[in-house]
Amino acid sequence: MTMICERCYAPIGEGESLVRLAHIDQAHQDGSVDWVYAYVHLTACVTPRPAAHERPDTGEWDAARGIRGLRR
């Protein structure tokens, strides 16, 4: 089974430390419960690298984009 981290959406490999979270999916009339499990890396998730064709987001406003507020 492939486990996907709920924070970074990267696969969790064999032998990696993880936390398994259990959520109640459905409760039945007889008192039994169905569980859904989610997984998270125990250590900090690695920031994914942008694809080679994507420009890095520097976080600064670029006036050359030409987006302005509308005046009425």
Protein backbone atom coordinates (compact mmCIF):
# COMPACT_ATOMS: atom_id res chain seq x y z
CA MET A 1 0.00 0.00 0.00
CA THR A 2 1.30 3.44 -0.89
CA MET A 3 0.95 5.95 1.94
CA ILE A 4 0.70 9.63 1.00
CA CYS A 5 1.55 12.39 3.50
CA GLU A 6 -1.45 14.63 4.18
CA ARG A 7 0.77 17.74 4.51
CA CYS A 8 3.08 17.56 1.51
CA TYR A 9 1.34 14.86 -0.61
CA ALA A 10 4.64 13.03 -1.07
CA PRO A 11 4.79 9.25 -0.71
CA ILE A 12 5.99 7.91 2.63
CA GLY A 13 8.70 5.35 2.00
CA GLU A 14 9.40 2.07 3.75
CA GLY A 15 11.15 2.65 7.07
CA GLU A 16 10.30 6.38 7.28
CA SER A 17 8.89 7.63 10.57
CA LEU A 18 5.22 8.52 10.34
CA VAL A 19 2.14 9.31 12.37
CA ARG A 20 -1.10 7.48 11.58
CA LEU A 21 -4.24 9.51 12.21
CA ALA A 22 -7.59 7.75 12.60
CA HIS A 23 -10.89 9.39 11.72
CA ILE A 24 -14.34 7.93 12.20
CA ASP A 25 -15.87 7.32 8.80
CA GLN A 26 -19.19 5.82 9.83
CA ALA A 27 -20.89 4.62 12.99
CA HIS A 28 -23.30 1.70 12.74
CA GLN A 29 -26.42 1.01 14.80
CA ASP A 30 -24.78 -1.95 16.53
CA GLY A 31 -22.08 0.36 17.92
CA SER A 32 -19.29 -0.67 15.58
CA VAL A 33 -17.26 2.01 13.83
CA ASP A 34 -15.54 2.18 10.44
CA TRP A 35 -12.21 4.01 10.48
CA VAL A 36 -10.38 5.99 7.81
CA TYR A 37 -6.63 6.43 8.24
CA ALA A 38 -4.41 9.33 7.19
CA TYR A 39 -0.63 9.47 7.36
CA VAL A 40 1.83 12.31 8.06
CA HIS A 41 5.63 12.41 8.07
CA LEU A 42 6.97 12.50 11.63
CA THR A 43 9.86 14.73 10.59
CA ALA A 44 9.44 18.01 8.69
CA CYS A 45 8.18 17.56 5.16
CA VAL A 46 10.59 18.46 2.38
CA THR A 47 9.55 21.48 0.33
CA PRO A 48 8.91 20.26 -3.20
CA ARG A 49 11.11 21.78 -5.89
CA PRO A 50 9.30 23.67 -8.66
CA ALA A 51 9.31 22.10 -12.10
CA ALA A 52 12.00 23.27 -14.51
CA HIS A 53 9.44 25.07 -16.71
CA GLU A 54 7.92 27.08 -13.82
CA ARG A 55 9.26 30.49 -12.83
CA PRO A 56 10.11 30.78 -9.15
CA ASP A 57 7.74 32.93 -7.11
CA THR A 58 9.86 35.61 -5.45
CA GLY A 59 6.91 37.04 -3.52
CA GLU A 60 7.54 40.57 -4.76
CA TRP A 61 5.12 42.58 -6.87
CA ASP A 62 6.23 43.04 -10.44
CA ALA A 63 4.78 46.25 -11.93
CA ALA A 64 5.34 44.86 -15.43
CA ARG A 65 2.40 42.52 -14.91
CA GLY A 66 0.11 45.46 -15.63
CA ILE A 67 -2.68 44.55 -13.22
CA ARG A 68 -4.24 47.66 -11.70
CA GLY A 69 -7.40 48.55 -9.85
CA LEU A 70 -10.32 49.73 -11.91
CA ARG A 71 -11.36 53.38 -11.62
CA ARG A 72 -14.98 54.26 -12.14
